[in-house]
């Protein structure tokens, strides 16, 4: 009997994106928009997520989430006192908060 050996091409995992420019605190008045931005080491980070407190955010009429290359932006529209709190951005195991 001949031994059968399977050969698989070497597959290298792409390096995970990391945060190179973190969030900054934003001061705004009730009824105004608050804009948060951060920048990653690479584009197309599929696991990027914005949070307000512990609540994950999605793009809708009150929250606009944008991705332009490596720059990720969150716009909280017409903030209220209930929106006060910590905003954070997570990608992989990396986190930035304001």
N, C-alpha and C. Protein backbone atom coordinates (compact mmCIF):
# COMPACT_ATOMS: atom_id res chain seq x y z
N UNK A 1 0.84 -1.19 0.00
CA UNK A 1 0.00 0.00 0.00
C UNK A 1 0.88 1.25 0.00
N UNK A 2 0.43 2.25 -0.73
CA UNK A 2 1.14 3.53 -0.75
C UNK A 2 0.51 4.46 0.28
N UNK A 3 1.34 5.23 0.91
CA UNK A 3 0.81 6.23 1.85
C UNK A 3 0.28 7.42 1.06
N UNK A 4 -0.88 7.89 1.44
CA UNK A 4 -1.49 9.04 0.79
C UNK A 4 -1.24 10.26 1.66
N UNK A 5 -0.63 11.27 1.10
CA UNK A 5 -0.36 12.51 1.84
C UNK A 5 -1.12 13.64 1.18
N UNK A 6 -1.80 14.41 1.98
CA UNK A 6 -2.53 15.56 1.47
C UNK A 6 -1.68 16.80 1.65
N UNK A 7 -1.62 17.58 0.62
CA UNK A 7 -0.86 18.83 0.66
C UNK A 7 -1.83 20.00 0.60
N UNK A 8 -1.68 20.89 1.50
CA UNK A 8 -2.51 22.09 1.47
C UNK A 8 -1.60 23.29 1.27
N UNK A 9 -2.02 24.21 0.41
CA UNK A 9 -1.20 25.41 0.24
C UNK A 9 -1.15 26.19 1.56
N UNK A 10 -0.02 26.79 1.83
CA UNK A 10 0.15 27.57 3.05
C UNK A 10 -0.81 28.76 3.03
N UNK A 11 -1.58 28.89 4.10
CA UNK A 11 -2.55 29.99 4.19
C UNK A 11 -2.18 30.86 5.38
N UNK A 12 -1.82 32.08 5.09
CA UNK A 12 -1.43 33.00 6.16
C UNK A 12 -2.61 33.91 6.49
N UNK A 13 -2.95 33.97 7.76
CA UNK A 13 -4.04 34.85 8.19
C UNK A 13 -3.61 36.30 8.02
N UNK A 14 -4.51 37.10 7.53
CA UNK A 14 -4.22 38.53 7.42
C UNK A 14 -4.12 39.12 8.83
N UNK A 15 -3.23 40.06 9.00
CA UNK A 15 -3.07 40.70 10.31
C UNK A 15 -4.37 41.42 10.67
N UNK A 16 -4.76 41.32 11.91
CA UNK A 16 -5.99 41.97 12.37
C UNK A 16 -5.80 43.48 12.40
N UNK A 17 -6.87 44.19 12.14
CA UNK A 17 -6.82 45.66 12.20
C UNK A 17 -6.66 46.11 13.65
N UNK A 18 -5.91 47.17 13.83
CA UNK A 18 -5.77 47.78 15.15
C UNK A 18 -6.09 49.26 15.03
N UNK A 19 -6.36 49.89 16.16
CA UNK A 19 -6.72 51.31 16.20
C UNK A 19 -5.44 52.13 16.30
N UNK A 20 -5.23 53.03 15.33
CA UNK A 20 -4.04 53.88 15.36
C UNK A 20 -4.36 55.31 15.76
N UNK A 21 -5.62 55.69 15.66
CA UNK A 21 -6.05 57.02 16.11
C UNK A 21 -7.35 56.82 16.87
N UNK A 22 -7.28 56.99 18.19
CA UNK A 22 -8.42 56.70 19.05
C UNK A 22 -9.44 57.82 19.11
N UNK A 23 -10.52 57.53 19.81
CA UNK A 23 -11.61 58.50 19.98
C UNK A 23 -11.19 59.64 20.88
N UNK A 24 -11.78 60.80 20.65
CA UNK A 24 -11.57 61.96 21.51
C UNK A 24 -12.90 62.34 22.13
N UNK A 25 -12.84 62.89 23.34
CA UNK A 25 -14.06 63.36 24.00
C UNK A 25 -14.69 64.48 23.17
N UNK A 26 -16.01 64.48 23.12
CA UNK A 26 -16.75 65.48 22.35
C UNK A 26 -17.71 66.20 23.29
N UNK A 27 -17.67 67.53 23.29
CA UNK A 27 -18.61 68.32 24.07
C UNK A 27 -19.63 68.91 23.10
N UNK A 28 -20.90 68.74 23.41
CA UNK A 28 -21.95 69.27 22.54
C UNK A 28 -23.15 69.67 23.39
N UNK A 29 -24.07 70.40 22.80
CA UNK A 29 -25.28 70.82 23.50
C UNK A 29 -26.44 69.94 23.05
N UNK A 30 -27.45 69.88 23.90
CA UNK A 30 -28.64 69.10 23.58
C UNK A 30 -29.24 69.61 22.26
N UNK A 31 -29.60 68.68 21.38
CA UNK A 31 -30.16 69.04 20.09
C UNK A 31 -29.15 69.13 18.97
N UNK A 32 -27.85 69.14 19.31
CA UNK A 32 -26.80 69.19 18.30
C UNK A 32 -26.32 67.78 17.98
N UNK A 33 -25.54 67.65 16.90
CA UNK A 33 -24.94 66.37 16.52
C UNK A 33 -23.58 66.23 17.21
N UNK A 34 -23.24 65.01 17.58
CA UNK A 34 -21.92 64.71 18.14
C UNK A 34 -21.21 63.77 17.17
N UNK A 35 -19.97 64.11 16.81
CA UNK A 35 -19.22 63.33 15.82
C UNK A 35 -18.00 62.70 16.49
N UNK A 36 -17.87 61.39 16.34
CA UNK A 36 -16.73 60.64 16.86
C UNK A 36 -16.01 59.96 15.70
N UNK A 37 -14.69 59.96 15.74
CA UNK A 37 -13.91 59.34 14.66
C UNK A 37 -12.73 58.58 15.24
N UNK A 38 -12.37 57.50 14.55
CA UNK A 38 -11.11 56.82 14.84
C UNK A 38 -10.58 56.24 13.54
N UNK A 39 -9.30 55.88 13.56
CA UNK A 39 -8.65 55.38 12.35
C UNK A 39 -7.98 54.05 12.66
N UNK A 40 -8.09 53.13 11.71
CA UNK A 40 -7.53 51.79 11.85
C UNK A 40 -6.27 51.63 10.99
N UNK A 41 -5.55 50.54 11.21
CA UNK A 41 -4.35 50.26 10.43
C UNK A 41 -4.67 49.78 9.04
N UNK A 42 -5.89 49.26 8.82
CA UNK A 42 -6.24 48.74 7.50
C UNK A 42 -7.73 48.87 7.26
N UNK A 43 -8.10 48.77 5.99
CA UNK A 43 -9.50 48.85 5.59
C UNK A 43 -10.19 47.51 5.80
N UNK A 44 -11.50 47.53 5.61
CA UNK A 44 -12.32 46.32 5.58
C UNK A 44 -12.27 45.53 6.88
N UNK A 45 -12.35 46.20 8.00
CA UNK A 45 -12.44 45.50 9.29
C UNK A 45 -13.90 45.11 9.51
N UNK A 46 -14.20 43.84 9.31
CA UNK A 46 -15.59 43.36 9.37
C UNK A 46 -16.15 43.36 10.78
N UNK A 47 -15.28 43.25 11.78
CA UNK A 47 -15.76 43.12 13.15
C UNK A 47 -15.77 44.44 13.91
N UNK A 48 -15.75 45.57 13.20
CA UNK A 48 -15.78 46.87 13.85
C UNK A 48 -17.20 47.15 14.38
N UNK A 49 -17.28 47.71 15.61
CA UNK A 49 -18.59 47.95 16.22
C UNK A 49 -18.52 49.19 17.12
N UNK A 50 -19.53 50.05 17.00
CA UNK A 50 -19.69 51.22 17.86
C UNK A 50 -20.63 50.87 19.00
N UNK A 51 -20.40 51.50 20.18
CA UNK A 51 -21.25 51.29 21.35
C UNK A 51 -21.55 52.63 22.02
N UNK A 52 -22.75 52.75 22.58
CA UNK A 52 -23.08 53.85 23.49
C UNK A 52 -23.36 53.17 24.81
N UNK A 53 -22.45 53.37 25.78
CA UNK A 53 -22.49 52.57 27.00
C UNK A 53 -22.19 51.13 26.61
N UNK A 54 -23.09 50.21 26.98
CA UNK A 54 -22.92 48.80 26.62
C UNK A 54 -23.77 48.41 25.42
N UNK A 55 -24.47 49.38 24.82
CA UNK A 55 -25.41 49.08 23.74
C UNK A 55 -24.74 49.21 22.38
N UNK A 56 -24.71 48.11 21.59
CA UNK A 56 -24.15 48.21 20.24
C UNK A 56 -25.03 49.10 19.36
N UNK A 57 -24.40 49.94 18.55
CA UNK A 57 -25.14 50.88 17.70
C UNK A 57 -25.18 50.40 16.26
N UNK A 58 -26.27 50.73 15.58
CA UNK A 58 -26.41 50.47 14.16
C UNK A 58 -26.78 51.77 13.48
N UNK A 59 -26.47 51.87 12.19
CA UNK A 59 -26.81 53.06 11.43
C UNK A 59 -28.32 53.15 11.27
N UNK A 60 -28.90 54.28 11.68
CA UNK A 60 -30.35 54.52 11.54
C UNK A 60 -30.57 56.03 11.52
N UNK A 61 -31.80 56.47 11.74
CA UNK A 61 -32.08 57.91 11.66
C UNK A 61 -31.43 58.70 12.79
N UNK A 62 -31.06 58.04 13.89
CA UNK A 62 -30.44 58.74 15.02
C UNK A 62 -28.92 58.56 15.08
N UNK A 63 -28.41 57.50 14.47
CA UNK A 63 -26.97 57.21 14.48
C UNK A 63 -26.50 56.98 13.05
N UNK A 64 -25.55 57.77 12.62
CA UNK A 64 -24.99 57.55 11.28
C UNK A 64 -23.59 56.98 11.44
N UNK A 65 -23.38 55.80 10.88
CA UNK A 65 -22.08 55.15 10.94
C UNK A 65 -21.48 55.17 9.53
N UNK A 66 -20.27 55.71 9.43
CA UNK A 66 -19.60 55.82 8.13
C UNK A 66 -18.25 55.13 8.18
N UNK A 67 -17.86 54.59 7.04
CA UNK A 67 -16.52 54.03 6.88
C UNK A 67 -15.95 54.60 5.59
N UNK A 68 -14.82 55.31 5.71
CA UNK A 68 -14.14 55.88 4.55
C UNK A 68 -12.69 55.44 4.63
N UNK A 69 -12.38 54.35 3.90
CA UNK A 69 -11.03 53.80 3.96
C UNK A 69 -10.76 53.24 5.35
N UNK A 70 -9.75 53.79 6.02
CA UNK A 70 -9.41 53.32 7.37
C UNK A 70 -10.09 54.15 8.46
N UNK A 71 -10.81 55.21 8.06
CA UNK A 71 -11.46 56.10 9.03
C UNK A 71 -12.90 55.65 9.27
N UNK A 72 -13.23 55.46 10.56
CA UNK A 72 -14.58 55.08 10.97
C UNK A 72 -15.18 56.23 11.75
N UNK A 73 -16.42 56.61 11.41
CA UNK A 73 -17.08 57.75 12.05
C UNK A 73 -18.44 57.35 12.57
N UNK A 74 -18.80 57.97 13.69
CA UNK A 74 -20.14 57.83 14.26
C UNK A 74 -20.69 59.22 14.47
N UNK A 75 -21.88 59.49 13.94
CA UNK A 75 -22.56 60.76 14.18
C UNK A 75 -23.83 60.46 14.96
N UNK A 76 -23.90 60.97 16.19
CA UNK A 76 -25.12 60.86 16.99
C UNK A 76 -25.94 62.10 16.69
N UNK A 77 -27.09 61.92 16.08
CA UNK A 77 -27.93 63.04 15.65
C UNK A 77 -28.76 63.59 16.79
N UNK A 78 -28.80 64.92 16.89
CA UNK A 78 -29.66 65.63 17.85
C UNK A 78 -29.63 64.98 19.22
N UNK A 79 -28.45 65.02 19.84
CA UNK A 79 -28.27 64.34 21.12
C UNK A 79 -29.19 64.89 22.19
N UNK A 80 -29.57 64.02 23.10
CA UNK A 80 -30.39 64.38 24.26
C UNK A 80 -29.60 64.03 25.52
N UNK A 81 -30.13 64.38 26.67
CA UNK A 81 -29.47 64.05 27.92
C UNK A 81 -29.33 62.54 28.09
N UNK A 82 -30.27 61.78 27.52
CA UNK A 82 -30.21 60.31 27.60
C UNK A 82 -29.01 59.75 26.82
N UNK A 83 -28.49 60.53 25.87
CA UNK A 83 -27.34 60.07 25.08
C UNK A 83 -26.02 60.26 25.81
N UNK A 84 -26.06 60.98 26.96
CA UNK A 84 -24.84 61.19 27.72
C UNK A 84 -24.28 59.85 28.16
N UNK A 85 -22.99 59.69 28.02
CA UNK A 85 -22.36 58.44 28.44
C UNK A 85 -21.14 58.17 27.60
N UNK A 86 -20.61 57.00 27.78
CA UNK A 86 -19.38 56.61 27.12
C UNK A 86 -19.67 56.06 25.72
N UNK A 87 -18.97 56.61 24.74
CA UNK A 87 -19.02 56.08 23.37
C UNK A 87 -17.73 55.29 23.18
N UNK A 88 -17.84 54.10 22.62
CA UNK A 88 -16.64 53.31 22.37
C UNK A 88 -16.71 52.65 21.00
N UNK A 89 -15.54 52.32 20.51
CA UNK A 89 -15.38 51.66 19.22
C UNK A 89 -14.49 50.46 19.44
N UNK A 90 -14.93 49.30 18.97
CA UNK A 90 -14.18 48.07 19.16
C UNK A 90 -13.93 47.41 17.82
N UNK A 91 -12.71 46.95 17.62
CA UNK A 91 -12.37 46.15 16.45
C UNK A 91 -11.48 45.01 16.95
N UNK A 92 -11.91 43.79 16.73
CA UNK A 92 -11.18 42.65 17.26
C UNK A 92 -11.08 42.75 18.77
N UNK A 93 -9.87 42.70 19.30
CA UNK A 93 -9.64 42.82 20.74
C UNK A 93 -9.27 44.24 21.15
N UNK A 94 -9.34 45.19 20.21
CA UNK A 94 -8.91 46.56 20.48
C UNK A 94 -10.11 47.46 20.73
N UNK A 95 -9.97 48.37 21.72
CA UNK A 95 -11.08 49.23 22.11
C UNK A 95 -10.57 50.65 22.32
N UNK A 96 -11.37 51.62 21.87
CA UNK A 96 -11.10 53.02 22.14
C UNK A 96 -12.40 53.61 22.68
N UNK A 97 -12.32 54.46 23.71
CA UNK A 97 -13.52 55.04 24.32
C UNK A 97 -13.35 56.52 24.55
N UNK A 98 -14.49 57.24 24.53
CA UNK A 98 -14.50 58.68 24.83
C UNK A 98 -15.68 58.96 25.74
